[in-house]
């Protein structure tokens, strides 16, 4: 198993995961999780499992969730949800750039508000393509680059502060372009602002193969 990254500090390893678990537990985000993940089946790998917030939205047809999560404290935070779920969860690694999973072995990969924080995103997406079965898809819900020039300017201005305070999370990642550059074909895509600060709340929700 991978070893935790050194130098993360108490804030990134202990405080930030707890803050994010509270913030992302907003009930208003549930409809997006349900729409993105409610029709999955088979063996699913989740990038950024966090505290298990997606787990209640996986249908019974999902046979196993392979959880990838860099913050070890989230394993404790996720325990109640894992215990309450009929779907078995297997912890398989700490980062998306190197997945200890056999090639062509998963039916779907899921990512929710995670791609924005992966430093080696190109490597992680290459790994996603590797582990997916030929007919498998990446199902994603992510925030990123907004369409409005005024919002984009503020995203660019505040991105250094955002990355410093929120574990490397970027405000202005063009999710669709990143996926296409990595060789994915986006087959479904819904974009819109959700309630909240516009610099943080432009959502990309869809499926890529």
Foldseek 3Di string as FASTA:
>chain_A
DDDADPPCDCCNQPVLLVVVVVVVLPPVCVVLLLVQAQPDAEEEEEFACRLPSSQVNHDPRYAEYAYAARHPVSVVSNVVVCVPHPHHYHDFYHHLLDTPAAFQAGQEYEYEQHLQQHPPNLSSLLSRNGRHHPNHKYWYKHAAADPDPVLNVVQVVCQVVCCVNNNHGGQHDPVVVSNVVSPKDWPDWDWDADPDDRSRGIIIGGMID
